[in-house]
PDB file of N, CA and C in Angstrom:
ATOM      1  N   UNK A   1       0.889  -1.305  -0.046  1.00  0.00           N
ATOM      2  CA  UNK A   1      -0.129   0.003   0.168  1.00  0.00           C
ATOM      3  C   UNK A   1       0.792   1.367   0.073  1.00  0.00           C
ATOM      4  N   UNK A   2       0.634   1.993  -0.957  1.00  0.00           N
ATOM      5  CA  UNK A   2       1.453   3.350  -1.118  1.00  0.00           C
ATOM      6  C   UNK A   2       0.837   4.401   0.117  1.00  0.00           C
ATOM      7  N   UNK A   3       1.841   4.972   0.894  1.00  0.00           N
ATOM      8  CA  UNK A   3       1.373   5.982   1.809  1.00  0.00           C
ATOM      9  C   UNK A   3       1.743   7.062   1.611  1.00  0.00           C
ATOM     10  N   UNK A   4       1.226   8.190   1.928  1.00  0.00           N
ATOM     11  CA  UNK A   4       1.504   9.515   1.873  1.00  0.00           C
ATOM     12  C   UNK A   4       1.749  10.304   3.456  1.00  0.00           C
ATOM     13  N   UNK A   5       3.019  10.937   3.479  1.00  0.00           N
ATOM     14  CA  UNK A   5       3.117  11.488   4.790  1.00  0.00           C
ATOM     15  C   UNK A   5       3.079  12.945   4.906  1.00  0.00           C
ATOM     16  N   UNK A   6       2.731  13.425   6.064  1.00  0.00           N
ATOM     17  CA  UNK A   6       2.809  14.819   5.942  1.00  0.00           C
ATOM     18  C   UNK A   6       3.493  15.287   7.455  1.00  0.00           C
ATOM     19  N   UNK A   7       3.940  16.236   7.815  1.00  0.00           N
ATOM     20  CA  UNK A   7       4.761  16.252   9.404  1.00  0.00           C
ATOM     21  C   UNK A   7       4.402  17.832   9.608  1.00  0.00           C
ATOM     22  N   UNK A   8       4.505  18.156  10.808  1.00  0.00           N
ATOM     23  CA  UNK A   8       4.289  19.598  10.876  1.00  0.00           C
ATOM     24  C   UNK A   8       4.979  19.645  12.507  1.00  0.00           C
ATOM     25  N   UNK A   9       5.791  20.720  12.711  1.00  0.00           N
ATOM     26  CA  UNK A   9       6.620  21.013  14.094  1.00  0.00           C
ATOM     27  C   UNK A   9       5.580  22.109  14.528  1.00  0.00           C
ATOM     28  N   UNK A  10       5.028  21.633  15.732  1.00  0.00           N
ATOM     29  CA  UNK A  10       4.235  22.526  16.405  1.00  0.00           C
ATOM     30  C   UNK A  10       4.746  23.208  17.472  1.00  0.00           C
ATOM     31  N   UNK A  11       4.891  24.612  17.540  1.00  0.00           N
ATOM     32  CA  UNK A  11       5.471  25.289  18.876  1.00  0.00           C
ATOM     33  C   UNK A  11       4.634  25.184  19.777  1.00  0.00           C
ATOM     34  N   UNK A  12       5.318  24.703  20.510  1.00  0.00           N
ATOM     35  CA  UNK A  12       4.704  24.488  22.070  1.00  0.00           C
ATOM     36  C   UNK A  12       5.828  23.868  23.116  1.00  0.00           C
ATOM     37  N   UNK A  13       5.658  24.224  24.453  1.00  0.00           N
ATOM     38  CA  UNK A  13       6.473  23.878  25.524  1.00  0.00           C
ATOM     39  C   UNK A  13       5.757  22.639  26.333  1.00  0.00           C
ATOM     40  N   UNK A  14       4.415  22.276  25.671  1.00  0.00           N
ATOM     41  CA  UNK A  14       3.910  21.403  26.518  1.00  0.00           C
ATOM     42  C   UNK A  14       3.345  20.018  25.488  1.00  0.00           C
ATOM     43  N   UNK A  15       4.233  19.916  24.721  1.00  0.00           N
ATOM     44  CA  UNK A  15       4.179  18.648  23.596  1.00  0.00           C
ATOM     45  C   UNK A  15       3.833  17.498  24.413  1.00  0.00           C
ATOM     46  N   UNK A  16       4.446  17.222  25.497  1.00  0.00           N
ATOM     47  CA  UNK A  16       4.433  15.783  25.993  1.00  0.00           C
ATOM     48  C   UNK A  16       2.807  15.757  26.649  1.00  0.00           C
ATOM     49  N   UNK A  17       2.424  16.544  27.559  1.00  0.00           N
ATOM     50  CA  UNK A  17       1.121  16.988  27.844  1.00  0.00           C
ATOM     51  C   UNK A  17       0.093  16.421  26.899  1.00  0.00           C
ATOM     52  N   UNK A  18       0.065  17.304  25.827  1.00  0.00           N
ATOM     53  CA  UNK A  18      -0.611  17.065  24.661  1.00  0.00           C
ATOM     54  C   UNK A  18      -0.600  15.786  24.195  1.00  0.00           C
ATOM     55  N   UNK A  19       0.269  15.235  23.791  1.00  0.00           N
ATOM     56  CA  UNK A  19       0.178  13.827  23.174  1.00  0.00           C
ATOM     57  C   UNK A  19      -0.399  13.028  23.837  1.00  0.00           C
ATOM     58  N   UNK A  20       0.227  13.142  25.175  1.00  0.00           N
ATOM     59  CA  UNK A  20      -0.345  11.879  26.222  1.00  0.00           C
ATOM     60  C   UNK A  20      -2.240  12.151  26.696  1.00  0.00           C
ATOM     61  N   UNK A  21      -2.499  13.314  26.909  1.00  0.00           N
ATOM     62  CA  UNK A  21      -4.002  13.819  26.523  1.00  0.00           C
ATOM     63  C   UNK A  21      -4.654  13.037  25.262  1.00  0.00           C
ATOM     64  N   UNK A  22      -4.248  13.518  24.285  1.00  0.00           N
ATOM     65  CA  UNK A  22      -4.589  13.052  23.199  1.00  0.00           C
ATOM     66  C   UNK A  22      -4.951  11.614  22.941  1.00  0.00           C
ATOM     67  N   UNK A  23      -3.658  11.067  23.247  1.00  0.00           N
ATOM     68  CA  UNK A  23      -3.693   9.400  22.911  1.00  0.00           C
ATOM     69  C   UNK A  23      -4.606   8.772  24.034  1.00  0.00           C
ATOM     70  N   UNK A  24      -4.851   9.392  25.275  1.00  0.00           N
ATOM     71  CA  UNK A  24      -5.566   8.726  26.114  1.00  0.00           C
ATOM     72  C   UNK A  24      -7.187   8.817  25.804  1.00  0.00           C
ATOM     73  N   UNK A  25      -7.588  10.181  25.163  1.00  0.00           N
ATOM     74  CA  UNK A  25      -8.848  10.444  24.691  1.00  0.00           C
ATOM     75  C   UNK A  25      -9.386   9.330  23.568  1.00  0.00           C
ATOM     76  N   UNK A  26      -8.318   9.136  22.643  1.00  0.00           N
ATOM     77  CA  UNK A  26      -8.331   8.385  21.476  1.00  0.00           C
ATOM     78  C   UNK A  26      -8.060   6.940  21.671  1.00  0.00           C
ATOM     79  N   UNK A  27      -7.519   6.509  22.858  1.00  0.00           N
ATOM     80  CA  UNK A  27      -7.725   5.351  23.280  1.00  0.00           C
ATOM     81  C   UNK A  27      -8.956   4.487  23.438  1.00  0.00           C
ATOM     82  N   UNK A  28      -9.903   5.217  23.988  1.00  0.00           N
ATOM     83  CA  UNK A  28     -11.015   4.807  24.029  1.00  0.00           C
ATOM     84  C   UNK A  28     -11.660   4.043  22.715  1.00  0.00           C
ATOM     85  N   UNK A  29     -11.415   4.535  21.626  1.00  0.00           N
ATOM     86  CA  UNK A  29     -11.789   3.977  20.341  1.00  0.00           C
ATOM     87  C   UNK A  29     -10.988   3.503  19.332  1.00  0.00           C
ATOM     88  N   UNK A  30      -9.539   3.992  19.409  1.00  0.00           N
ATOM     89  CA  UNK A  30      -8.479   3.429  18.581  1.00  0.00           C
ATOM     90  C   UNK A  30      -7.352   2.919  19.158  1.00  0.00           C
ATOM     91  N   UNK A  31      -6.802   2.247  18.151  1.00  0.00           N
ATOM     92  CA  UNK A  31      -5.178   1.752  18.828  1.00  0.00           C
ATOM     93  C   UNK A  31      -4.490   2.476  18.960  1.00  0.00           C
ATOM     94  N   UNK A  32      -3.823   2.681  20.173  1.00  0.00           N
ATOM     95  CA  UNK A  32      -2.996   3.490  20.593  1.00  0.00           C
ATOM     96  C   UNK A  32      -1.740   3.167  21.331  1.00  0.00           C
ATOM     97  N   UNK A  33      -0.494   3.855  21.253  1.00  0.00           N
ATOM     98  CA  UNK A  33       0.767   3.359  21.934  1.00  0.00           C
ATOM     99  C   UNK A  33       1.357   4.522  22.335  1.00  0.00           C
ATOM    100  N   UNK A  34       1.569   4.842  23.551  1.00  0.00           N
ATOM    101  CA  UNK A  34       2.321   6.441  23.831  1.00  0.00           C
ATOM    102  C   UNK A  34       2.996   5.946  24.907  1.00  0.00           C
ATOM    103  N   UNK A  35       4.050   6.998  25.296  1.00  0.00           N
ATOM    104  CA  UNK A  35       4.794   7.397  26.528  1.00  0.00           C
ATOM    105  C   UNK A  35       4.961   8.678  26.768  1.00  0.00           C
ATOM    106  N   UNK A  36       5.567   9.078  27.462  1.00  0.00           N
ATOM    107  CA  UNK A  36       5.888  10.751  27.770  1.00  0.00           C
ATOM    108  C   UNK A  36       6.311  11.453  26.615  1.00  0.00           C
ATOM    109  N   UNK A  37       6.989  10.877  25.783  1.00  0.00           N
ATOM    110  CA  UNK A  37       7.975  11.543  24.802  1.00  0.00           C
ATOM    111  C   UNK A  37       7.163  11.194  23.377  1.00  0.00           C
ATOM    112  N   UNK A  38       6.458  10.252  23.454  1.00  0.00           N
ATOM    113  CA  UNK A  38       5.926   9.700  21.979  1.00  0.00           C
ATOM    114  C   UNK A  38       4.534   9.147  21.920  1.00  0.00           C
ATOM    115  N   UNK A  39       3.877   9.280  20.684  1.00  0.00           N
ATOM    116  CA  UNK A  39       2.529   8.533  20.772  1.00  0.00           C
ATOM    117  C   UNK A  39       2.226   8.167  19.382  1.00  0.00           C
ATOM    118  N   UNK A  40       1.618   6.833  19.192  1.00  0.00           N
ATOM    119  CA  UNK A  40       1.115   6.581  17.858  1.00  0.00           C
ATOM    120  C   UNK A  40      -0.192   6.185  17.890  1.00  0.00           C
ATOM    121  N   UNK A  41      -1.253   6.889  17.237  1.00  0.00           N
ATOM    122  CA  UNK A  41      -2.628   6.329  16.953  1.00  0.00           C
ATOM    123  C   UNK A  41      -3.006   5.924  15.560  1.00  0.00           C
ATOM    124  N   UNK A  42      -3.609   4.652  15.585  1.00  0.00           N
ATOM    125  CA  UNK A  42      -3.907   3.921  14.393  1.00  0.00           C
ATOM    126  C   UNK A  42      -5.358   4.052  13.997  1.00  0.00           C
ATOM    127  N   UNK A  43      -5.687   4.535  12.869  1.00  0.00           N
ATOM    128  CA  UNK A  43      -7.178   4.717  12.564  1.00  0.00           C
ATOM    129  C   UNK A  43      -7.676   3.704  11.761  1.00  0.00           C
ATOM    130  N   UNK A  44      -9.035   3.373  11.768  1.00  0.00           N
ATOM    131  CA  UNK A  44      -9.418   2.220  10.838  1.00  0.00           C
ATOM    132  C   UNK A  44      -9.416   2.530   9.398  1.00  0.00           C
ATOM    133  N   UNK A  45      -9.219   3.583   8.845  1.00  0.00           N
ATOM    134  CA  UNK A  45      -8.947   4.131   7.937  1.00  0.00           C
ATOM    135  C   UNK A  45      -7.817   3.803   7.060  1.00  0.00           C
ATOM    136  N   UNK A  46      -6.773   3.330   7.886  1.00  0.00           N
ATOM    137  CA  UNK A  46      -5.370   2.831   7.497  1.00  0.00           C
ATOM    138  C   UNK A  46      -4.366   4.173   7.954  1.00  0.00           C
ATOM    139  N   UNK A  47      -4.854   5.395   8.261  1.00  0.00           N
ATOM    140  CA  UNK A  47      -3.955   6.562   8.728  1.00  0.00           C
ATOM    141  C   UNK A  47      -3.455   6.049   9.995  1.00  0.00           C
ATOM    142  N   UNK A  48      -2.302   6.945  10.297  1.00  0.00           N
ATOM    143  CA  UNK A  48      -1.381   6.766  11.440  1.00  0.00           C
ATOM    144  C   UNK A  48      -1.077   8.162  12.078  1.00  0.00           C
ATOM    145  N   UNK A  49      -1.160   8.499  13.068  1.00  0.00           N
ATOM    146  CA  UNK A  49      -0.619   9.670  13.320  1.00  0.00           C
ATOM    147  C   UNK A  49       0.288   9.134  14.753  1.00  0.00           C
ATOM    148  N   UNK A  50       1.453   9.950  14.200  1.00  0.00           N
ATOM    149  CA  UNK A  50       2.622   9.782  15.427  1.00  0.00           C
ATOM    150  C   UNK A  50       3.059  11.084  15.781  1.00  0.00           C
ATOM    151  N   UNK A  51       3.169  11.446  17.230  1.00  0.00           N
ATOM    152  CA  UNK A  51       3.608  12.397  17.633  1.00  0.00           C
ATOM    153  C   UNK A  51       4.883  12.259  18.433  1.00  0.00           C
ATOM    154  N   UNK A  52       5.767  13.208  18.327  1.00  0.00           N
ATOM    155  CA  UNK A  52       7.019  13.302  19.426  1.00  0.00           C
ATOM    156  C   UNK A  52       7.371  14.547  20.092  1.00  0.00           C
ATOM    157  N   UNK A  53       7.272  14.461  21.365  1.00  0.00           N
ATOM    158  CA  UNK A  53       7.368  15.700  22.139  1.00  0.00           C
ATOM    159  C   UNK A  53       8.915  16.149  22.280  1.00  0.00           C
ATOM    160  N   UNK A  54       9.262  17.303  21.816  1.00  0.00           N
ATOM    161  CA  UNK A  54      10.527  17.814  21.745  1.00  0.00           C
ATOM    162  C   UNK A  54      10.187  19.124  22.730  1.00  0.00           C
ATOM    163  N   UNK A  55      11.663  19.767  23.464  1.00  0.00           N
ATOM    164  CA  UNK A  55      11.277  20.860  24.455  1.00  0.00           C
ATOM    165  C   UNK A  55      10.663  21.880  23.943  1.00  0.00           C
ATOM    166  N   UNK A  56      10.807  22.337  22.755  1.00  0.00           N
ATOM    167  CA  UNK A  56       9.909  23.611  22.329  1.00  0.00           C
ATOM    168  C   UNK A  56       8.937  23.201  21.119  1.00  0.00           C
ATOM    169  N   UNK A  57       8.903  21.941  20.557  1.00  0.00           N
ATOM    170  CA  UNK A  57       7.842  21.694  19.782  1.00  0.00           C
ATOM    171  C   UNK A  57       7.165  20.276  20.203  1.00  0.00           C
ATOM    172  N   UNK A  58       6.077  20.332  19.202  1.00  0.00           N
ATOM    173  CA  UNK A  58       5.370  18.874  19.253  1.00  0.00           C
ATOM    174  C   UNK A  58       5.599  18.300  17.703  1.00  0.00           C
ATOM    175  N   UNK A  59       6.058  17.439  17.286  1.00  0.00           N
ATOM    176  CA  UNK A  59       6.412  16.893  15.876  1.00  0.00           C
ATOM    177  C   UNK A  59       4.950  15.858  15.731  1.00  0.00           C
ATOM    178  N   UNK A  60       4.280  16.511  14.787  1.00  0.00           N
ATOM    179  CA  UNK A  60       3.189  15.617  14.124  1.00  0.00           C
ATOM    180  C   UNK A  60       3.324  14.924  12.892  1.00  0.00           C
ATOM    181  N   UNK A  61       2.941  13.582  12.892  1.00  0.00           N
ATOM    182  CA  UNK A  61       3.410  13.243  11.508  1.00  0.00           C
ATOM    183  C   UNK A  61       1.820  12.327  11.152  1.00  0.00           C
ATOM    184  N   UNK A  62       1.279  12.528   9.942  1.00  0.00           N
ATOM    185  CA  UNK A  62       0.369  11.736   9.545  1.00  0.00           C
ATOM    186  C   UNK A  62       0.699  11.031   8.449  1.00  0.00           C
ATOM    187  N   UNK A  63       0.381   9.782   8.301  1.00  0.00           N
ATOM    188  CA  UNK A  63       0.637   8.814   7.334  1.00  0.00           C
ATOM    189  C   UNK A  63      -0.439   8.219   6.994  1.00  0.00           C
ATOM    190  N   UNK A  64      -0.841   8.495   5.754  1.00  0.00           N
ATOM    191  CA  UNK A  64      -2.138   7.944   5.532  1.00  0.00           C
ATOM    192  C   UNK A  64      -2.204   7.190   3.710  1.00  0.00           C
ATOM    193  N   UNK A  65      -2.986   6.318   3.705  1.00  0.00           N
ATOM    194  CA  UNK A  65      -2.884   5.628   2.365  1.00  0.00           C
ATOM    195  C   UNK A  65      -3.162   6.859   1.175  1.00  0.00           C
ATOM    196  N   UNK A  66      -2.413   6.407  -0.012  1.00  0.00           N
ATOM    197  CA  UNK A  66      -2.834   7.570  -1.040  1.00  0.00           C
ATOM    198  C   UNK A  66      -4.039   7.710  -1.291  1.00  0.00           C
ATOM    199  N   UNK A  67      -4.951   7.215  -1.023  1.00  0.00           N
ATOM    200  CA  UNK A  67      -6.421   7.529  -1.422  1.00  0.00           C
ATOM    201  C   UNK A  67      -7.124   8.247  -0.159  1.00  0.00           C
ATOM    202  N   UNK A  68      -6.321   8.357   0.772  1.00  0.00           N
ATOM    203  CA  UNK A  68      -6.550   9.028   2.277  1.00  0.00           C
ATOM    204  C   UNK A  68      -7.025  10.307   1.675  1.00  0.00           C
ATOM    205  N   UNK A  69      -7.984  11.257   3.099  1.00  0.00           N
ATOM    206  CA  UNK A  69      -8.468  12.607   2.868  1.00  0.00           C
ATOM    207  C   UNK A  69      -7.280  13.225   3.894  1.00  0.00           C
ATOM    208  N   UNK A  70      -6.460  13.507   3.313  1.00  0.00           N
ATOM    209  CA  UNK A  70      -5.222  14.483   4.048  1.00  0.00           C
ATOM    210  C   UNK A  70      -5.835  15.765   4.662  1.00  0.00           C
ATOM    211  N   UNK A  71      -6.604  16.514   4.150  1.00  0.00           N
ATOM    212  CA  UNK A  71      -7.221  17.551   4.696  1.00  0.00           C
ATOM    213  C   UNK A  71      -7.988  17.237   5.715  1.00  0.00           C
ATOM    214  N   UNK A  72      -8.567  16.278   5.672  1.00  0.00           N
ATOM    215  CA  UNK A  72      -9.553  15.744   7.058  1.00  0.00           C
ATOM    216  C   UNK A  72      -8.843  15.303   7.868  1.00  0.00           C
ATOM    217  N   UNK A  73      -7.654  14.818   7.946  1.00  0.00           N
ATOM    218  CA  UNK A  73      -6.856  14.359   8.821  1.00  0.00           C
ATOM    219  C   UNK A  73      -6.556  15.552   9.622  1.00  0.00           C
ATOM    220  N   UNK A  74      -5.814  16.358   8.721  1.00  0.00           N
ATOM    221  CA  UNK A  74      -5.191  17.315   9.375  1.00  0.00           C
ATOM    222  C   UNK A  74      -5.821  18.151  10.105  1.00  0.00           C
ATOM    223  N   UNK A  75      -7.305  18.595   9.891  1.00  0.00           N
ATOM    224  CA  UNK A  75      -8.288  19.074  10.810  1.00  0.00           C
ATOM    225  C   UNK A  75      -8.638  18.384  12.022  1.00  0.00           C
ATOM    226  N   UNK A  76      -8.682  17.209  11.879  1.00  0.00           N
ATOM    227  CA  UNK A  76      -9.042  16.152  12.901  1.00  0.00           C
ATOM    228  C   UNK A  76      -8.073  16.446  14.010  1.00  0.00           C
ATOM    229  N   UNK A  77      -6.941  16.155  13.330  1.00  0.00           N
ATOM    230  CA  UNK A  77      -5.735  16.283  14.469  1.00  0.00           C
ATOM    231  C   UNK A  77      -5.505  17.671  15.199  1.00  0.00           C
ATOM    232  N   UNK A  78      -5.585  18.796  14.152  1.00  0.00           N
ATOM    233  CA  UNK A  78      -5.479  19.848  14.789  1.00  0.00           C
ATOM    234  C   UNK A  78      -6.455  20.465  15.828  1.00  0.00           C
ATOM    235  N   UNK A  79      -7.911  20.189  15.548  1.00  0.00           N
ATOM    236  CA  UNK A  79      -8.949  20.435  16.293  1.00  0.00           C
ATOM    237  C   UNK A  79      -8.957  19.786  17.337  1.00  0.00           C
ATOM    238  N   UNK A  80      -8.523  18.623  17.616  1.00  0.00           N
ATOM    239  CA  UNK A  80      -8.127  17.746  18.757  1.00  0.00           C
ATOM    240  C   UNK A  80      -6.898  18.261  19.916  1.00  0.00           C
ATOM    241  N   UNK A  81      -5.864  18.337  19.048  1.00  0.00           N
ATOM    242  CA  UNK A  81      -4.852  19.020  19.940  1.00  0.00           C
ATOM    243  C   UNK A  81      -5.120  20.496  20.533  1.00  0.00           C
ATOM    244  N   UNK A  82      -5.913  21.473  19.682  1.00  0.00           N
ATOM    245  CA  UNK A  82      -6.292  22.654  20.025  1.00  0.00           C
ATOM    246  C   UNK A  82      -7.077  22.621  21.298  1.00  0.00           C
ATOM    247  N   UNK A  83      -7.976  21.269  21.257  1.00  0.00           N
ATOM    248  CA  UNK A  83      -8.890  21.339  22.636  1.00  0.00           C
ATOM    249  C   UNK A  83      -7.922  21.033  23.765  1.00  0.00           C
ATOM    250  N   UNK A  84      -7.074  20.372  23.931  1.00  0.00           N
ATOM    251  CA  UNK A  84      -6.395  20.192  24.752  1.00  0.00           C
ATOM    252  C   UNK A  84      -5.363  21.202  25.058  1.00  0.00           C
ATOM    253  N   UNK A  85      -4.977  22.196  24.132  1.00  0.00           N
ATOM    254  CA  UNK A  85      -4.063  23.411  24.296  1.00  0.00           C
ATOM    255  C   UNK A  85      -4.778  24.438  24.289  1.00  0.00           C
ATOM    256  N   UNK A  86      -5.939  24.602  24.913  1.00  0.00           N
ATOM    257  CA  UNK A  86      -6.977  25.520  24.922  1.00  0.00           C
ATOM    258  C   UNK A  86      -6.161  26.992  25.637  1.00  0.00           C
ATOM    259  N   UNK A  87      -5.478  26.886  26.199  1.00  0.00           N
ATOM    260  CA  UNK A  87      -4.521  28.194  27.056  1.00  0.00           C
ATOM    261  C   UNK A  87      -3.630  28.774  25.838  1.00  0.00           C
ATOM    262  N   UNK A  88      -3.391  27.869  24.799  1.00  0.00           N
ATOM    263  CA  UNK A  88      -2.513  28.675  23.904  1.00  0.00           C
ATOM    264  C   UNK A  88      -2.943  28.309  22.366  1.00  0.00           C
ATOM    265  N   UNK A  89      -3.961  27.748  22.245  1.00  0.00           N
ATOM    266  CA  UNK A  89      -4.762  27.526  21.100  1.00  0.00           C
ATOM    267  C   UNK A  89      -5.330  28.901  20.482  1.00  0.00           C
ATOM    268  N   UNK A  90      -5.208  29.037  19.295  1.00  0.00           N
ATOM    269  CA  UNK A  90      -4.865  27.585  18.233  1.00  0.00           C
ATOM    270  C   UNK A  90      -3.478  27.571  17.753  1.00  0.00           C
ATOM    271  N   UNK A  91      -3.109  26.368  17.986  1.00  0.00           N
ATOM    272  CA  UNK A  91      -1.525  26.077  17.677  1.00  0.00           C
ATOM    273  C   UNK A  91      -1.335  26.155  16.094  1.00  0.00           C
ATOM    274  N   UNK A  92       0.034  26.238  15.799  1.00  0.00           N
ATOM    275  CA  UNK A  92       0.270  26.574  14.591  1.00  0.00           C
ATOM    276  C   UNK A  92       1.017  25.404  13.879  1.00  0.00           C
ATOM    277  N   UNK A  93       0.105  24.780  12.837  1.00  0.00           N
ATOM    278  CA  UNK A  93       0.438  23.793  12.242  1.00  0.00           C
ATOM    279  C   UNK A  93       0.963  24.261  10.787  1.00  0.00           C
ATOM    280  N   UNK A  94       2.288  23.941  10.453  1.00  0.00           N
ATOM    281  CA  UNK A  94       2.784  24.141   9.256  1.00  0.00           C
ATOM    282  C   UNK A  94       3.110  22.905   8.704  1.00  0.00           C
ATOM    283  N   UNK A  95       2.048  22.289   7.844  1.00  0.00           N
ATOM    284  CA  UNK A  95       2.244  20.851   7.526  1.00  0.00           C
ATOM    285  C   UNK A  95       3.063  20.981   6.023  1.00  0.00           C
ATOM    286  N   UNK A  96       3.965  19.834   6.049  1.00  0.00           N
ATOM    287  CA  UNK A  96       4.923  19.686   4.801  1.00  0.00           C
ATOM    288  C   UNK A  96       4.939  18.348   4.484  1.00  0.00           C
ATOM    289  N   UNK A  97       5.099  18.047   3.266  1.00  0.00           N
ATOM    290  CA  UNK A  97       5.149  16.653   2.875  1.00  0.00           C
ATOM    291  C   UNK A  97       6.436  15.981   3.099  1.00  0.00           C
ATOM    292  N   UNK A  98       6.409  14.651   3.482  1.00  0.00           N
ATOM    293  CA  UNK A  98       7.864  14.172   4.316  1.00  0.00           C
ATOM    294  C   UNK A  98       8.267  13.235   3.079  1.00  0.00           C
TER     295      UNK A  98
END
C-alpha cells in the first residue's frame, strides 16, 4: 500500500502533555501506543498519527493511504490538539510533505 506522509513542527512547550492527553482520549476507540515522549494512533482508515514531544515543539506526522483524505486528517488532528491546548490555542500547524 502506498502511503503519503505529512509532518508539522508545532511550537509548544507542552507537547508531552498534549500528546498523552490526546492518546488517552483516542485510546477509548482507536489503537494507541504512547509514553511521555511519543505517541502513535492507528485509525481504521489506515491512517497513522505519530507525535514526538521535543522541548519547544510537538512533532506531528500523519501517514495515510494514497487515497486517504489528508485535509480531513489534518483538521481532525489540529482540532483535537487545540482542545487540549486551549490556553495557547490555536496551535500553529505548518504541514509539509515528508
